[in-house]
Protein backbone atom coordinates (compact mmCIF):
# COMPACT_ATOMS: atom_id res chain seq x y z
CA MET A 1 0.00 0.00 0.00
CA LYS A 2 2.78 2.43 0.97
CA GLY A 3 4.55 1.65 -2.29
CA ASN A 4 1.40 2.46 -4.27
CA ILE A 5 0.90 5.75 -2.43
CA LEU A 6 4.52 6.66 -3.12
CA ALA A 7 4.00 5.89 -6.82
CA VAL A 8 0.96 8.19 -6.90
CA CYS A 9 2.92 10.96 -5.16
CA ILE A 10 5.76 10.58 -7.67
CA ALA A 11 3.26 10.73 -10.52
CA ILE A 12 1.72 13.92 -9.11
CA VAL A 13 5.14 15.56 -8.75
CA PHE A 14 5.94 14.53 -12.33
CA VAL A 15 2.69 16.11 -13.58
CA ILE A 16 3.46 19.38 -11.77
CA LEU A 17 7.05 19.57 -13.06
CA LEU A 18 5.92 18.65 -16.59
CA ASP A 19 3.25 21.35 -16.59
CA VAL A 20 5.66 23.98 -15.26
CA TYR A 21 8.07 23.08 -18.07
CA VAL A 22 5.36 23.17 -20.73
CA PHE A 23 4.22 26.52 -19.34
CA SER A 24 7.58 28.02 -20.32
CA GLY A 25 6.65 27.28 -23.93
CA LEU A 26 3.06 28.40 -23.48
CA LYS A 27 4.30 31.85 -22.38
CA VAL A 28 6.17 32.17 -25.68
CA LEU A 29 3.07 31.21 -27.67
CA THR A 30 0.88 33.75 -25.85
CA ALA A 31 3.46 36.54 -25.64
CA GLY A 32 1.72 38.75 -28.23
CA TRP A 33 -1.80 38.21 -26.91
CA SER A 34 -3.83 40.73 -24.96
CA PRO A 35 -3.30 40.55 -21.18
CA VAL A 36 -6.87 39.33 -20.59
CA TRP A 37 -6.60 36.42 -23.03
CA ARG A 38 -3.09 35.55 -21.88
CA LYS A 39 -4.09 35.38 -18.21
CA THR A 40 -7.24 33.40 -19.06
CA ILE A 41 -5.27 30.78 -20.99
CA HIS A 42 -2.68 30.52 -18.25
CA ALA A 43 -5.38 30.08 -15.61
CA LEU A 44 -7.14 27.39 -17.65
CA TYR A 45 -3.84 25.61 -18.17
CA PHE A 46 -3.10 25.28 -14.48
CA THR A 47 -6.72 24.40 -13.77
CA TYR A 48 -6.14 21.41 -15.99
CA THR A 49 -3.01 20.62 -13.99
CA GLY A 50 -5.23 20.32 -10.94
CA PHE A 51 -7.62 18.15 -12.95
CA SER A 52 -4.74 15.83 -13.92
CA ILE A 53 -3.79 15.41 -10.27
CA VAL A 54 -7.38 14.54 -9.39
CA VAL A 55 -7.42 11.91 -12.16
CA PHE A 56 -4.31 10.25 -10.71
CA ILE A 57 -5.92 10.12 -7.28
CA LEU A 58 -9.14 8.67 -8.69
CA LEU A 59 -7.17 6.02 -10.56
CA TYR A 60 -5.49 5.05 -7.31
CA PHE A 61 -8.70 4.70 -5.30
CA GLY A 62 -10.61 3.05 -8.16
CA THR A 63 -13.84 4.97 -7.58
CA TYR A 64 -14.18 5.60 -11.33
CA ILE A 65 -15.46 2.02 -11.76
CA HIS A 66 -18.84 3.14 -10.44
CA TRP A 67 -19.18 6.22 -12.63
CA SER A 68 -21.35 6.44 -15.71
CA VAL A 69 -19.64 5.38 -18.93
CA LEU A 70 -20.13 8.82 -20.47
CA LEU A 71 -18.45 10.52 -17.51
CA ARG A 72 -15.49 8.12 -17.65
CA THR A 73 -15.20 8.68 -21.39
CA ILE A 74 -15.11 12.45 -21.06
CA ILE A 75 -12.67 12.52 -18.15
CA PHE A 76 -10.19 9.88 -19.24
CA GLY A 77 -10.50 10.68 -22.93
CA SER A 78 -9.64 14.36 -22.41
CA PHE A 79 -6.91 13.44 -19.92
CA MET A 80 -5.19 11.05 -22.34
CA VAL A 81 -5.51 13.42 -25.30
CA TRP A 82 -4.08 16.38 -23.43
CA THR A 83 -1.26 14.33 -21.89
CA THR A 84 -0.22 13.10 -25.33
CA VAL A 85 -0.31 16.65 -26.70
CA LYS A 86 1.88 17.92 -23.86
CA LEU A 87 4.44 15.13 -24.21
CA LEU A 88 4.86 15.84 -27.93
CA PHE A 89 5.19 19.57 -27.22
CA VAL A 90 7.85 18.75 -24.63
CA LEU A 91 10.00 17.12 -27.33
CA PHE A 92 10.19 20.45 -29.14
CA LEU A 93 10.93 22.31 -25.92
CA LEU A 94 13.80 19.90 -25.26
CA LEU A 95 15.07 20.52 -28.79
CA ASP A 96 14.91 24.25 -28.14
CA ASP A 97 16.65 23.92 -24.78
CA THR A 98 19.38 21.82 -26.35
CA GLN A 99 20.20 24.51 -28.89
CA ARG A 100 19.95 27.16 -26.16
CA LEU A 101 22.46 25.20 -24.05
CA ILE A 102 24.83 24.98 -27.00
CA GLN A 103 24.52 28.74 -27.56
CA TYR A 104 25.09 29.41 -23.87
CA LEU A 105 28.23 27.27 -23.74
CA SER A 106 29.50 28.93 -26.91
CA GLN A 107 29.00 32.44 -25.54
CA TRP A 108 30.39 31.48 -22.14
CA GLY A 109 33.50 30.05 -23.83
CA LYS A 110 34.05 33.20 -25.83
CA GLN A 111 33.82 35.34 -22.70
CA PHE A 112 36.09 33.03 -20.74
CA PHE A 113 38.86 32.69 -23.34
CA TYR A 114 38.72 35.86 -25.42
CA THR A 115 37.84 38.75 -23.08
CA ASP A 116 39.77 40.76 -20.54
CA GLY A 117 38.02 39.01 -17.68
CA THR A 118 34.79 41.03 -17.58
CA LYS A 119 31.68 38.84 -17.77
CA ASP A 120 28.34 39.93 -19.14
CA ALA A 121 25.15 38.13 -18.15
CA ILE A 122 24.23 35.64 -20.82
CA SER A 123 20.53 35.52 -21.67
CA ILE A 124 19.18 33.35 -24.47
CA SER A 125 15.44 33.44 -24.99
CA ARG A 126 13.40 30.58 -26.38
CA ALA A 127 13.26 30.26 -30.16
CA SER A 128 9.73 31.29 -31.11
CA PHE A 129 9.88 29.26 -34.34
CA ILE A 130 10.67 25.96 -32.59
CA VAL A 131 7.99 26.53 -29.95
CA LYS A 132 5.38 27.34 -32.59
CA ALA A 133 6.45 24.30 -34.62
CA GLY A 134 5.93 22.22 -31.48
CA ALA A 135 2.44 23.64 -31.07
CA VAL A 136 1.59 22.74 -34.67
CA ALA A 137 3.00 19.23 -34.27
CA ALA A 138 1.12 18.75 -31.00
CA SER A 139 -2.14 19.61 -32.74
CA ILE A 140 -1.83 16.46 -34.86
CA PRO A 141 -2.51 13.98 -32.02
CA LEU A 142 -5.13 16.40 -30.71
CA VAL A 143 -7.08 16.07 -33.95
CA GLY A 144 -6.29 12.36 -34.45
CA MET A 145 -7.18 11.25 -30.94
CA THR A 146 -10.34 13.35 -30.89
CA TYR A 147 -11.42 11.64 -34.11
CA GLY A 148 -10.47 8.30 -32.56
CA ILE A 149 -12.89 8.95 -29.71
CA LEU A 150 -15.76 10.34 -31.78
CA ALA A 151 -15.58 7.87 -34.68
CA GLY A 152 -12.56 5.53 -34.65
CA GLY A 153 -13.81 3.38 -31.78
CA HIS A 154 -16.84 2.28 -33.82
CA ASN A 155 -15.29 2.16 -37.29
CA TYR A 156 -15.82 -1.61 -37.61
CA GLN A 157 -13.74 -3.34 -40.26
CA VAL A 158 -14.38 -6.80 -41.72
CA ARG A 159 -11.11 -8.68 -42.28
CA LYS A 160 -11.29 -11.86 -44.35
CA VAL A 161 -8.77 -14.69 -44.12
CA THR A 162 -8.59 -18.04 -45.93
CA LEU A 163 -6.84 -20.92 -44.17
CA ARG A 164 -5.93 -24.09 -46.03
CA LEU A 165 -5.83 -27.19 -43.87
CA PRO A 166 -4.57 -30.46 -45.41
CA LYS A 167 -6.67 -32.63 -43.07
CA LEU A 168 -9.87 -30.63 -43.30
CA PRO A 169 -12.83 -32.99 -43.94
CA ILE A 170 -14.45 -32.36 -47.28
CA ALA A 171 -17.79 -31.43 -45.71
CA PHE A 172 -16.11 -28.47 -44.00
CA ASP A 173 -14.53 -27.11 -47.19
CA GLY A 174 -15.63 -23.47 -47.34
CA PHE A 175 -16.68 -23.50 -43.68
CA LYS A 176 -16.96 -19.92 -42.41
CA ILE A 177 -15.98 -18.87 -38.88
CA VAL A 178 -16.69 -15.33 -37.73
CA GLN A 179 -14.56 -14.23 -34.76
CA LEU A 180 -15.23 -11.43 -32.30
CA SER A 181 -13.03 -10.55 -29.37
CA ASP A 182 -12.64 -7.97 -26.60
CA ILE A 183 -16.10 -6.44 -26.63
CA HIS A 184 -15.49 -4.55 -23.36
CA SER A 185 -19.13 -3.60 -22.99
CA GLY A 186 -18.34 -1.44 -19.96
CA SER A 187 -16.73 1.12 -22.29
CA PHE A 188 -19.64 1.54 -24.71
CA TYR A 189 -21.57 4.82 -24.78
CA ASN A 190 -23.17 4.71 -28.25
CA LYS A 191 -25.76 1.94 -28.66
CA THR A 192 -26.57 2.97 -32.23
CA ALA A 193 -22.96 2.48 -33.29
CA VAL A 194 -22.69 -0.86 -31.48
CA GLN A 195 -25.87 -2.06 -33.19
CA ARG A 196 -24.31 -1.15 -36.53
CA GLY A 197 -21.39 -3.44 -35.65
CA ILE A 198 -23.72 -6.28 -34.66
CA ASP A 199 -25.63 -5.95 -37.94
CA LEU A 200 -22.32 -6.14 -39.79
CA VAL A 201 -21.44 -9.34 -37.90
CA ASN A 202 -24.69 -11.03 -38.90
CA ALA A 203 -24.25 -9.88 -42.50
CA GLN A 204 -21.18 -12.16 -42.79
CA GLN A 205 -23.42 -15.26 -42.63
CA ALA A 206 -21.14 -17.34 -40.45
CA ASP A 207 -21.46 -21.11 -40.11
CA VAL A 208 -20.21 -20.70 -36.56
CA LEU A 209 -19.41 -17.63 -34.51
CA VAL A 210 -16.74 -17.50 -31.80
CA PHE A 211 -15.91 -14.92 -29.17
CA THR A 212 -12.43 -14.98 -27.65
CA GLY A 213 -12.85 -13.19 -24.33
CA ASP A 214 -13.15 -9.89 -22.42
CA ILE A 215 -16.84 -9.15 -22.72
CA VAL A 216 -16.65 -6.68 -19.80
CA ASN A 217 -14.07 -4.40 -18.19
CA TYR A 218 -14.55 -4.99 -14.48
CA VAL A 219 -17.93 -6.43 -13.43
CA ALA A 220 -20.65 -8.58 -14.97
CA SER A 221 -23.32 -5.88 -14.68
CA GLU A 222 -21.59 -3.87 -17.43
CA LEU A 223 -23.01 -6.32 -19.96
CA GLU A 224 -26.65 -5.90 -18.89
CA PRO A 225 -27.50 -2.92 -21.18
CA TYR A 226 -26.12 -4.84 -24.18
CA LYS A 227 -27.26 -8.42 -23.56
CA GLU A 228 -30.27 -8.20 -25.84
CA MET A 229 -28.15 -6.62 -28.57
CA PHE A 230 -25.45 -9.30 -28.54
CA ALA A 231 -28.09 -12.02 -28.30
CA GLN A 232 -28.92 -11.03 -31.89
CA VAL A 233 -25.60 -12.54 -32.99
CA THR A 234 -26.41 -15.97 -34.40
CA ALA A 235 -24.92 -18.75 -36.52
CA PRO A 236 -26.53 -22.04 -37.66
CA MET A 237 -23.90 -24.20 -35.92
CA GLY A 238 -23.79 -22.10 -32.77
CA VAL A 239 -22.08 -19.23 -30.97
CA TYR A 240 -19.17 -20.25 -28.73
CA SER A 241 -17.19 -18.14 -26.28
CA VAL A 242 -14.36 -18.16 -23.76
CA LEU A 243 -13.32 -15.86 -20.92
CA GLY A 244 -10.59 -13.22 -21.03
CA ASN A 245 -8.54 -11.72 -18.23
CA HIS A 246 -11.08 -8.94 -17.60
CA ASP A 247 -14.02 -11.30 -17.19
CA TYR A 248 -13.14 -12.71 -13.76
CA GLY A 249 -13.56 -9.51 -11.75
CA ASP A 250 -9.86 -9.48 -10.90
CA TYR A 251 -9.66 -5.71 -11.52
CA ALA A 252 -12.88 -4.73 -9.71
CA GLY A 253 -11.36 -4.63 -6.22
CA PHE A 254 -13.74 -7.09 -4.59
CA ILE A 255 -13.05 -7.32 -0.86
CA ASP A 256 -15.20 -10.38 -0.16
CA PRO A 257 -14.25 -13.41 -2.31
CA ARG A 258 -17.89 -14.46 -2.31
CA ASP A 259 -18.84 -11.26 -4.14
CA LYS A 260 -16.22 -11.99 -6.76
CA GLN A 261 -17.53 -15.54 -7.20
CA ALA A 262 -21.10 -14.24 -7.50
CA ASN A 263 -19.92 -11.77 -10.15
CA LEU A 264 -18.38 -14.58 -12.20
CA ARG A 265 -21.54 -16.69 -11.88
CA GLN A 266 -23.56 -13.72 -13.16
CA LEU A 267 -21.25 -13.34 -16.13
CA ILE A 268 -21.44 -17.03 -16.97
CA GLN A 269 -25.23 -16.84 -16.80
CA SER A 270 -25.17 -13.84 -19.15
CA HIS A 271 -23.42 -15.91 -21.81
CA ALA A 272 -26.17 -18.53 -21.48
CA ASP A 273 -28.89 -15.84 -21.59
CA MET A 274 -27.51 -14.61 -24.91
CA GLY A 275 -27.44 -18.14 -26.31
CA TRP A 276 -23.65 -18.31 -26.27
CA ASP A 277 -22.04 -21.64 -25.38
CA LEU A 278 -19.26 -20.70 -22.93
CA LEU A 279 -16.37 -23.17 -23.05
CA MET A 280 -14.65 -23.46 -19.67
CA ASN A 281 -11.69 -25.74 -20.40
CA GLU A 282 -13.80 -28.01 -22.56
CA HIS A 283 -14.51 -28.78 -26.19
CA ARG A 284 -17.36 -29.24 -28.61
CA ILE A 285 -17.48 -31.47 -31.67
CA LEU A 286 -18.79 -29.80 -34.81
CA LYS A 287 -20.53 -32.17 -37.22
CA LYS A 288 -21.45 -31.95 -40.88
CA GLY A 289 -22.83 -35.24 -42.10
CA GLU A 290 -20.32 -37.90 -41.16
CA ASP A 291 -17.42 -35.44 -40.86
CA ARG A 292 -16.32 -33.91 -37.59
CA MET A 293 -13.82 -31.43 -36.18
CA ALA A 294 -13.09 -30.11 -32.70
CA LEU A 295 -13.66 -26.66 -31.24
CA ILE A 296 -11.64 -26.32 -28.02
CA GLY A 297 -12.09 -23.47 -25.57
CA ILE A 298 -10.02 -22.64 -22.49
CA GLU A 299 -10.15 -20.04 -19.77
CA ASN A 300 -7.62 -17.23 -19.82
CA TRP A 301 -3.97 -18.29 -19.89
CA GLY A 302 -1.33 -15.60 -20.36
CA ALA A 303 2.44 -16.03 -20.53
CA LYS A 304 3.15 -12.28 -20.36
CA GLY A 305 3.08 -9.95 -17.36
CA HIS A 306 0.86 -10.94 -14.46
CA PHE A 307 -2.11 -12.10 -16.49
CA PRO A 308 -3.93 -15.08 -14.94
CA LYS A 309 -3.40 -18.70 -15.90
CA TYR A 310 -6.84 -20.20 -15.38
CA GLY A 311 -6.78 -22.20 -18.61
CA LYS A 312 -6.36 -25.97 -18.58
CA LEU A 313 -5.62 -26.99 -22.13
CA ALA A 314 -4.90 -30.63 -21.29
CA GLU A 315 -8.37 -30.93 -19.78
CA ALA A 316 -10.06 -29.24 -22.72
CA TYR A 317 -8.05 -31.19 -25.30
CA LYS A 318 -8.86 -34.62 -23.87
CA GLY A 319 -11.24 -36.50 -26.16
CA THR A 320 -10.24 -34.66 -29.36
CA GLU A 321 -7.09 -36.67 -30.10
CA GLU A 322 -8.52 -38.60 -33.05
CA LEU A 323 -10.30 -35.71 -34.75
CA PRO A 324 -8.60 -34.50 -37.97
CA VAL A 325 -8.89 -30.75 -37.29
CA LYS A 326 -8.76 -28.85 -34.01
CA ILE A 327 -9.50 -25.15 -33.51
CA LEU A 328 -8.59 -23.56 -30.18
CA LEU A 329 -10.15 -20.48 -28.60
CA SER A 330 -7.62 -18.91 -26.22
CA HIS A 331 -7.86 -15.24 -25.29
CA ASP A 332 -4.17 -14.40 -24.88
CA PRO A 333 -1.96 -14.91 -27.98
CA SER A 334 1.15 -15.50 -25.83
CA HIS A 335 -0.38 -18.89 -25.04
CA TRP A 336 0.41 -20.03 -28.60
CA ASP A 337 4.19 -19.95 -28.27
CA ALA A 338 4.21 -20.91 -24.59
CA GLN A 339 2.04 -24.04 -24.68
CA VAL A 340 0.17 -24.67 -27.89
CA ARG A 341 2.97 -24.97 -30.44
CA PRO A 342 5.44 -26.86 -28.22
CA ASN A 343 2.96 -29.35 -26.75
CA TYR A 344 -0.05 -29.57 -29.07
CA LYS A 345 1.24 -29.68 -32.61
CA ASP A 346 -2.04 -31.08 -33.93
CA ILE A 347 -4.01 -27.96 -32.95
CA ASP A 348 -4.36 -26.47 -36.40
CA VAL A 349 -5.75 -23.02 -35.63
CA THR A 350 -5.64 -20.86 -32.50
CA LEU A 351 -7.93 -17.83 -32.31
CA SER A 352 -7.02 -15.08 -29.82
CA GLY A 353 -7.53 -11.40 -29.04
CA HIS A 354 -6.39 -9.49 -25.94
CA THR A 355 -3.93 -6.98 -27.46
CA HIS A 356 -6.45 -4.66 -29.20
CA GLY A 357 -3.51 -3.76 -31.42
CA PHE A 358 -2.98 -1.24 -28.58
CA GLN A 359 -5.88 0.70 -30.17
CA PHE A 360 -3.15 2.82 -31.71
CA GLY A 361 -0.80 2.18 -34.61
CA ILE A 362 -0.30 2.25 -38.35
CA GLU A 363 -1.57 -0.33 -40.82
CA LYS A 364 -1.07 0.94 -44.35
CA GLY A 365 0.10 -1.33 -47.15
CA ASN A 366 3.21 -3.15 -45.96
CA ILE A 367 3.52 -0.92 -42.89
CA LYS A 368 2.26 -2.58 -39.72
CA TRP A 369 3.32 -1.01 -36.45
CA SER A 370 2.01 -0.55 -32.94
CA PRO A 371 3.69 -0.08 -29.55
CA VAL A 372 2.12 -3.35 -28.42
CA GLN A 373 4.55 -5.26 -30.63
CA TRP A 374 7.27 -4.52 -28.06
CA MET A 375 5.41 -6.81 -25.65
CA TYR A 376 3.68 -9.29 -27.94
CA LYS A 377 5.37 -11.05 -30.83
CA GLN A 378 1.95 -11.86 -32.29
CA TRP A 379 -0.31 -8.86 -31.81
CA ALA A 380 -2.69 -8.51 -34.79
CA GLY A 381 -3.67 -10.59 -37.79
CA LEU A 382 -2.49 -13.97 -39.07
CA TYR A 383 0.67 -15.83 -38.04
CA GLN A 384 1.92 -19.23 -39.17
CA GLU A 385 4.57 -21.59 -37.87
CA GLY A 386 4.83 -24.85 -39.79
CA ALA A 387 1.38 -26.40 -40.02
CA GLN A 388 -0.13 -24.25 -37.25
CA TYR A 389 -1.95 -20.93 -37.52
CA LEU A 390 -2.64 -18.18 -35.01
CA TYR A 391 -5.06 -15.37 -35.68
CA VAL A 392 -5.11 -12.37 -33.31
CA ASN A 393 -8.30 -10.34 -33.54
CA ARG A 394 -7.88 -6.59 -32.96
CA GLY A 395 -10.99 -6.42 -30.77
CA PHE A 396 -14.54 -5.16 -31.17
CA GLY A 397 -14.48 -2.61 -28.35
CA PHE A 398 -11.96 -0.55 -26.40
CA ILE A 399 -10.77 0.11 -22.87
CA GLY A 400 -8.66 2.84 -21.26
CA PHE A 401 -8.47 5.28 -24.15
CA PRO A 402 -12.14 5.52 -25.28
CA GLY A 403 -11.46 5.13 -28.97
CA ARG A 404 -9.01 3.94 -31.61
CA VAL A 405 -6.40 5.63 -33.79
CA GLY A 406 -5.08 3.69 -36.80
CA ILE A 407 -6.16 0.27 -35.47
CA SER A 408 -9.84 -0.22 -36.24
CA PRO A 409 -12.22 -2.52 -34.35
CA GLU A 410 -12.41 -5.85 -36.13
CA ILE A 411 -14.84 -8.49 -37.28
CA THR A 412 -12.84 -11.46 -38.58
CA VAL A 413 -14.17 -13.82 -41.22
CA ILE A 414 -12.13 -17.03 -41.52
CA GLU A 415 -12.87 -19.44 -44.33
CA LEU A 416 -11.49 -22.95 -44.06
CA LYS A 417 -10.41 -24.66 -47.27
CA SER A 418 -9.01 -28.13 -47.77
CA GLY A 419 -5.66 -28.47 -49.54
CA LEU A 420 -2.05 -27.49 -49.10
CA LEU A 421 -1.07 -25.00 -46.38
CA GLY A 422 -1.26 -21.37 -47.34
């Protein structure tokens, strides 16, 4: 507890020092303004400093969990946008201070070596051009992140993938799996936009639909306003789901373990209420005529960070040994390298989510980049090692930052074809 309080205090001190430093640039930008406007802007700036400190304190105590979604969106969205803007502006201030330091040392050296000993005060003001360039550059994330909140978080994209499996039974040739992941219903504030996404899911005409975890952020009740909407998602051979790290209530701060258990029971019941078959370390056999294949689903199992390891793949796998094709639903993609590939080489396809593609990045042509790749080797899209595939869905919803920039929410359509590996 003391360590956490110390971390919050350090964060608050950092915010104050950062804002004082940024203020030195703000004074340059407002130097030519009227006194009234200049003082107003300065007052608003430090008011926001106080707001930032309050946000840190609220994050520490966790009271934000009980706020309305709209209030959380406004507060944390504006906080994250403004913090990003300031950090980018700081880069230009550091550039300016670097050149000022070089100028200072140069002038000091000239006085020290080439004068008769008299020293004049050296004063080097900030370069207005660099500061203004920083302000222009900082406006880019301001515009981009604002768009990401207002539109990017619901800009659903259908991504289609064809997987060729040598052992695929002929009856399943052309079999269509639609994958959703990371709904995070506790972050939604626009039911009309969410309904548009659900309609787009049903328009893909899946044979089977799978959901790979994180249907809520903190508690099961977050799903209640959206249960009827997601119950509309259907497929002739069923809708199957697994749990993600957010679904267990681990981040809700339950004091009584019985409350946490009741929360999980409520969430499990919600899957059943929607007509979703929740796989808790178990499997289902999909049948078409005389042909069969296995759909295996495990609870969350993460190899990175401190994410929980509730999944029991050996238990879920048992009974599928003789089936020609096996598809695994496992929320965390780090599970693939840690357990699946080394120990279960006959699991043909693993479907995961979890990373969200960080909700920020670049995917244009051959360019594919996101900060999340520094933590996860497989973070978005299709991966193949030998005869095994992993597909990482970028997520349907969002958490933390209430939107997306460059990494759109995803509806994945996977078509299985018999034949040589792709």
